Amino acid sequence: MPAVPDLDGQAAGLVAALTRRGETVAAAESLTAGLVCATLARIPGASAVLRGGLVVYATELKHVLAGVDEALLAARGAVDPEVAAQLAAGARDRCGATWGLGLTGVAGPSAQDGVAPGTVHIGLRGPFGPTVRTLVLTGDRDAVRTGSVSAAFTLLEEQLD
């Protein structure tokens, strides 16, 4: 059984680092449905760094709320690295944050549009351009969603170091 990530510990570290730097974060979340923002908001002092978030579970909301290109969604589907990058940019722009996170993937148990469960793309958009990380996670829906949040936090931590 995979280790359960310490999301609160990671979130506390991010809140502290962002506070020290005077920077902010926002997220556009599909498979995690707000878990990134909810986890950050659990940490005292989060209001200084968490600008907001977009829950874009439905494919069309990725375009309507986060500005993901409709042609990209039509051609490649919602679970795609470029979609994750555009979600991150949309979160950053629409929420006025220093950093934007974008998460899209398949939590399972079934495939979605031919994409296997556990496939996750995480986008990060900050002052230095976009970064995307692709993962294949194992476990049930909770494990995939929790692992996705942990990986998003890790990606941001790496950029802040």
C-alpha atoms as a PDB file:
ATOM      1  CA  MET A   1       0.000   0.000   0.000  1.00  0.00           C
ATOM      2  CA  PRO A   2       1.446   3.408  -0.935  1.00  0.00           C
ATOM      3  CA  ALA A   3       2.302   5.841   1.837  1.00  0.00           C
ATOM      4  CA  VAL A   4      -0.353   8.448   2.547  1.00  0.00           C
ATOM      5  CA  PRO A   5       1.059  11.914   1.823  1.00  0.00           C
ATOM      6  CA  ASP A   6       1.171  14.467   4.635  1.00  0.00           C
ATOM      7  CA  LEU A   7      -0.916  17.050   2.799  1.00  0.00           C
ATOM      8  CA  ASP A   8      -1.295  19.336   5.815  1.00  0.00           C
ATOM      9  CA  GLY A   9       2.476  19.339   6.355  1.00  0.00           C
ATOM     10  CA  GLN A  10       3.118  20.145   2.708  1.00  0.00           C
ATOM     11  CA  ALA A  11       0.446  22.842   2.741  1.00  0.00           C
ATOM     12  CA  ALA A  12       1.903  24.424   5.891  1.00  0.00           C
ATOM     13  CA  GLY A  13       5.329  24.530   4.247  1.00  0.00           C
ATOM     14  CA  LEU A  14       3.891  26.166   1.134  1.00  0.00           C
ATOM     15  CA  VAL A  15       1.918  28.746   3.109  1.00  0.00           C
ATOM     16  CA  ALA A  16       5.062  29.643   5.065  1.00  0.00           C
ATOM     17  CA  ALA A  17       7.252  29.843   1.935  1.00  0.00           C
ATOM     18  CA  LEU A  18       4.744  31.902  -0.040  1.00  0.00           C
ATOM     19  CA  THR A  19       4.231  34.233   2.925  1.00  0.00           C
ATOM     20  CA  ARG A  20       7.992  34.795   3.259  1.00  0.00           C
ATOM     21  CA  ARG A  21       8.203  35.582  -0.460  1.00  0.00           C
ATOM     22  CA  GLY A  22       5.097  37.794  -0.521  1.00  0.00           C
ATOM     23  CA  GLU A  23       3.583  35.596  -3.255  1.00  0.00           C
ATOM     24  CA  THR A  24       0.189  34.029  -3.875  1.00  0.00           C
ATOM     25  CA  VAL A  25      -1.311  30.908  -5.442  1.00  0.00           C
ATOM     26  CA  ALA A  26      -4.545  29.875  -7.140  1.00  0.00           C
ATOM     27  CA  ALA A  27      -5.696  26.576  -8.637  1.00  0.00           C
ATOM     28  CA  ALA A  28      -7.943  25.281 -11.412  1.00  0.00           C
ATOM     29  CA  GLU A  29      -8.916  21.770 -10.380  1.00  0.00           C
ATOM     30  CA  SER A  30     -10.650  19.020 -12.271  1.00  0.00           C
ATOM     31  CA  LEU A  31     -10.138  15.566 -10.723  1.00  0.00           C
ATOM     32  CA  THR A  32      -9.308  17.058  -7.305  1.00  0.00           C
ATOM     33  CA  ALA A  33     -12.502  19.165  -7.283  1.00  0.00           C
ATOM     34  CA  GLY A  34     -11.178  21.829  -4.898  1.00  0.00           C
ATOM     35  CA  LEU A  35      -8.980  19.630  -2.685  1.00  0.00           C
ATOM     36  CA  VAL A  36      -5.865  21.742  -3.386  1.00  0.00           C
ATOM     37  CA  CYS A  37      -7.555  24.929  -2.207  1.00  0.00           C
ATOM     38  CA  ALA A  38      -9.365  23.232   0.679  1.00  0.00           C
ATOM     39  CA  THR A  39      -6.100  21.740   1.947  1.00  0.00           C
ATOM     40  CA  LEU A  40      -4.274  25.060   1.771  1.00  0.00           C
ATOM     41  CA  ALA A  41      -7.187  26.814   3.498  1.00  0.00           C
ATOM     42  CA  ARG A  42      -6.881  24.461   6.489  1.00  0.00           C
ATOM     43  CA  ILE A  43      -3.567  26.132   7.375  1.00  0.00           C
ATOM     44  CA  PRO A  44      -3.602  29.223   9.615  1.00  0.00           C
ATOM     45  CA  GLY A  45      -2.369  32.202   7.603  1.00  0.00           C
ATOM     46  CA  ALA A  46      -3.538  30.786   4.270  1.00  0.00           C
ATOM     47  CA  SER A  47      -5.615  33.888   3.606  1.00  0.00           C
ATOM     48  CA  ALA A  48      -2.389  35.803   2.980  1.00  0.00           C
ATOM     49  CA  VAL A  49      -1.393  33.536   0.079  1.00  0.00           C
ATOM     50  CA  LEU A  50      -4.416  31.644  -1.287  1.00  0.00           C
ATOM     51  CA  ARG A  51      -6.142  33.841  -3.874  1.00  0.00           C
ATOM     52  CA  GLY A  52      -8.835  31.396  -4.952  1.00  0.00           C
ATOM     53  CA  GLY A  53      -9.681  28.464  -7.117  1.00  0.00           C
ATOM     54  CA  LEU A  54     -11.794  27.178  -9.953  1.00  0.00           C
ATOM     55  CA  VAL A  55     -13.466  23.775  -9.794  1.00  0.00           C
ATOM     56  CA  VAL A  56     -13.692  22.800 -13.450  1.00  0.00           C
ATOM     57  CA  TYR A  57     -14.865  19.212 -13.209  1.00  0.00           C
ATOM     58  CA  ALA A  58     -17.002  19.428 -16.357  1.00  0.00           C
ATOM     59  CA  THR A  59     -15.016  19.698 -19.589  1.00  0.00           C
ATOM     60  CA  GLU A  60     -16.802  22.809 -20.873  1.00  0.00           C
ATOM     61  CA  LEU A  61     -16.018  24.664 -17.641  1.00  0.00           C
ATOM     62  CA  LYS A  62     -12.325  24.252 -18.348  1.00  0.00           C
ATOM     63  CA  HIS A  63     -12.919  26.629 -21.263  1.00  0.00           C
ATOM     64  CA  VAL A  64     -15.646  28.830 -19.752  1.00  0.00           C
ATOM     65  CA  LEU A  65     -14.007  29.451 -16.366  1.00  0.00           C
ATOM     66  CA  ALA A  66     -10.297  28.808 -16.914  1.00  0.00           C
ATOM     67  CA  GLY A  67      -9.921  29.825 -20.553  1.00  0.00           C
ATOM     68  CA  VAL A  68      -8.625  26.511 -21.889  1.00  0.00           C
ATOM     69  CA  ASP A  69      -8.713  26.532 -25.688  1.00  0.00           C
ATOM     70  CA  GLU A  70     -11.917  24.892 -26.989  1.00  0.00           C
ATOM     71  CA  ALA A  71     -10.123  23.441 -30.012  1.00  0.00           C
ATOM     72  CA  LEU A  72      -7.548  21.791 -27.725  1.00  0.00           C
ATOM     73  CA  LEU A  73     -10.300  20.236 -25.608  1.00  0.00           C
ATOM     74  CA  ALA A  74     -12.099  18.997 -28.747  1.00  0.00           C
ATOM     75  CA  ALA A  75      -8.936  17.560 -30.282  1.00  0.00           C
ATOM     76  CA  ARG A  76      -7.242  15.993 -27.248  1.00  0.00           C
ATOM     77  CA  GLY A  77      -9.861  15.785 -24.527  1.00  0.00           C
ATOM     78  CA  ALA A  78      -9.744  17.109 -20.987  1.00  0.00           C
ATOM     79  CA  VAL A  79      -6.917  14.886 -19.729  1.00  0.00           C
ATOM     80  CA  ASP A  80      -3.883  16.269 -21.523  1.00  0.00           C
ATOM     81  CA  PRO A  81      -0.622  17.985 -20.501  1.00  0.00           C
ATOM     82  CA  GLU A  82      -1.404  21.156 -22.467  1.00  0.00           C
ATOM     83  CA  VAL A  83      -4.821  21.341 -20.809  1.00  0.00           C
ATOM     84  CA  ALA A  84      -3.070  21.229 -17.418  1.00  0.00           C
ATOM     85  CA  ALA A  85      -0.745  24.051 -18.508  1.00  0.00           C
ATOM     86  CA  GLN A  86      -3.673  26.174 -19.689  1.00  0.00           C
ATOM     87  CA  LEU A  87      -5.619  25.458 -16.481  1.00  0.00           C
ATOM     88  CA  ALA A  88      -2.639  26.713 -14.464  1.00  0.00           C
ATOM     89  CA  ALA A  89      -2.402  29.861 -16.575  1.00  0.00           C
ATOM     90  CA  GLY A  90      -6.146  30.423 -16.285  1.00  0.00           C
ATOM     91  CA  ALA A  91      -6.096  30.086 -12.497  1.00  0.00           C
ATOM     92  CA  ARG A  92      -3.170  32.487 -12.227  1.00  0.00           C
ATOM     93  CA  ASP A  93      -4.698  35.071 -14.549  1.00  0.00           C
ATOM     94  CA  ARG A  94      -8.298  34.933 -13.377  1.00  0.00           C
ATOM     95  CA  CYS A  95      -7.415  34.960  -9.681  1.00  0.00           C
ATOM     96  CA  GLY A  96      -4.550  37.456  -9.943  1.00  0.00           C
ATOM     97  CA  ALA A  97      -2.023  35.121  -8.312  1.00  0.00           C
ATOM     98  CA  THR A  98       1.746  34.845  -8.588  1.00  0.00           C
ATOM     99  CA  TRP A  99       1.439  31.077  -9.165  1.00  0.00           C
ATOM    100  CA  GLY A 100      -1.268  29.010 -10.818  1.00  0.00           C
ATOM    101  CA  LEU A 101      -1.766  25.272 -10.480  1.00  0.00           C
ATOM    102  CA  GLY A 102      -3.832  23.240 -12.947  1.00  0.00           C
ATOM    103  CA  LEU A 103      -4.822  19.626 -12.307  1.00  0.00           C
ATOM    104  CA  THR A 104      -6.550  17.254 -14.697  1.00  0.00           C
ATOM    105  CA  GLY A 105      -6.683  13.480 -14.770  1.00  0.00           C
ATOM    106  CA  VAL A 106      -8.655  10.317 -14.218  1.00  0.00           C
ATOM    107  CA  ALA A 107      -9.285   9.283 -10.621  1.00  0.00           C
ATOM    108  CA  GLY A 108     -11.001   6.042 -11.677  1.00  0.00           C
ATOM    109  CA  PRO A 109     -12.162   3.441 -11.295  1.00  0.00           C
ATOM    110  CA  SER A 110     -12.887   3.498 -15.051  1.00  0.00           C
ATOM    111  CA  ALA A 111     -11.012   4.996 -17.987  1.00  0.00           C
ATOM    112  CA  GLN A 112     -12.203   8.351 -19.356  1.00  0.00           C
ATOM    113  CA  ASP A 113     -12.064   8.966 -23.093  1.00  0.00           C
ATOM    114  CA  GLY A 114      -9.539   6.138 -23.410  1.00  0.00           C
ATOM    115  CA  VAL A 115      -7.273   7.519 -20.670  1.00  0.00           C
ATOM    116  CA  ALA A 116      -6.355   5.023 -17.952  1.00  0.00           C
ATOM    117  CA  PRO A 117      -7.272   5.600 -14.310  1.00  0.00           C
ATOM    118  CA  GLY A 118      -4.417   7.153 -12.364  1.00  0.00           C
ATOM    119  CA  THR A 119      -3.214   9.293 -15.283  1.00  0.00           C
ATOM    120  CA  VAL A 120      -2.712  12.837 -13.996  1.00  0.00           C
ATOM    121  CA  HIS A 121      -1.290  16.015 -15.524  1.00  0.00           C
ATOM    122  CA  ILE A 122      -0.289  18.894 -13.261  1.00  0.00           C
ATOM    123  CA  GLY A 123       0.471  22.319 -14.669  1.00  0.00           C
ATOM    124  CA  LEU A 124       2.242  25.157 -12.921  1.00  0.00           C
ATOM    125  CA  ARG A 125       2.368  28.705 -14.240  1.00  0.00           C
ATOM    126  CA  GLY A 126       4.439  31.322 -12.530  1.00  0.00           C
ATOM    127  CA  PRO A 127       6.707  34.246 -13.274  1.00  0.00           C
ATOM    128  CA  PHE A 128       9.105  32.027 -15.253  1.00  0.00           C
ATOM    129  CA  GLY A 129       6.710  30.265 -17.609  1.00  0.00           C
ATOM    130  CA  PRO A 130       4.834  26.968 -17.590  1.00  0.00           C
ATOM    131  CA  THR A 131       5.870  23.582 -16.218  1.00  0.00           C
ATOM    132  CA  VAL A 132       3.878  20.366 -16.611  1.00  0.00           C
ATOM    133  CA  ARG A 133       4.352  17.063 -14.819  1.00  0.00           C
ATOM    134  CA  THR A 134       2.629  13.831 -15.871  1.00  0.00           C
ATOM    135  CA  LEU A 135       2.075  11.036 -13.355  1.00  0.00           C
ATOM    136  CA  VAL A 136       0.588   7.578 -13.281  1.00  0.00           C
ATOM    137  CA  LEU A 137      -0.756   7.004  -9.765  1.00  0.00           C
ATOM    138  CA  THR A 138      -2.096   3.794  -8.281  1.00  0.00           C
ATOM    139  CA  GLY A 139      -4.832   3.104  -5.781  1.00  0.00           C
ATOM    140  CA  ASP A 140      -8.477   4.004  -5.410  1.00  0.00           C
ATOM    141  CA  ARG A 141     -10.062   7.390  -6.191  1.00  0.00           C
ATOM    142  CA  ASP A 142      -9.006   8.842  -2.847  1.00  0.00           C
ATOM    143  CA  ALA A 143      -5.398   7.738  -3.336  1.00  0.00           C
ATOM    144  CA  VAL A 144      -5.239   9.207  -6.850  1.00  0.00           C
ATOM    145  CA  ARG A 145      -6.785  12.499  -5.769  1.00  0.00           C
ATOM    146  CA  THR A 146      -4.594  12.791  -2.653  1.00  0.00           C
ATOM    147  CA  GLY A 147      -1.505  11.837  -4.620  1.00  0.00           C
ATOM    148  CA  SER A 148      -2.372  14.488  -7.211  1.00  0.00           C
ATOM    149  CA  VAL A 149      -2.586  17.211  -4.568  1.00  0.00           C
ATOM    150  CA  SER A 150       0.705  16.095  -3.032  1.00  0.00           C
ATOM    151  CA  ALA A 151       2.392  16.118  -6.445  1.00  0.00           C
ATOM    152  CA  ALA A 152       1.025  19.610  -7.177  1.00  0.00           C
ATOM    153  CA  PHE A 153       2.379  20.861  -3.853  1.00  0.00           C
ATOM    154  CA  THR A 154       5.753  19.219  -4.595  1.00  0.00           C
ATOM    155  CA  LEU A 155       5.911  20.850  -8.029  1.00  0.00           C
ATOM    156  CA  LEU A 156       5.292  24.285  -6.501  1.00  0.00           C
ATOM    157  CA  GLU A 157       7.761  23.613  -3.640  1.00  0.00           C
ATOM    158  CA  GLU A 158      10.462  22.802  -6.198  1.00  0.00           C
ATOM    159  CA  GLN A 159       9.910  26.123  -7.966  1.00  0.00           C
ATOM    160  CA  LEU A 160      10.029  28.034  -4.692  1.00  0.00           C
ATOM    161  CA  ASP A 161      13.358  26.471  -3.624  1.00  0.00           C
END
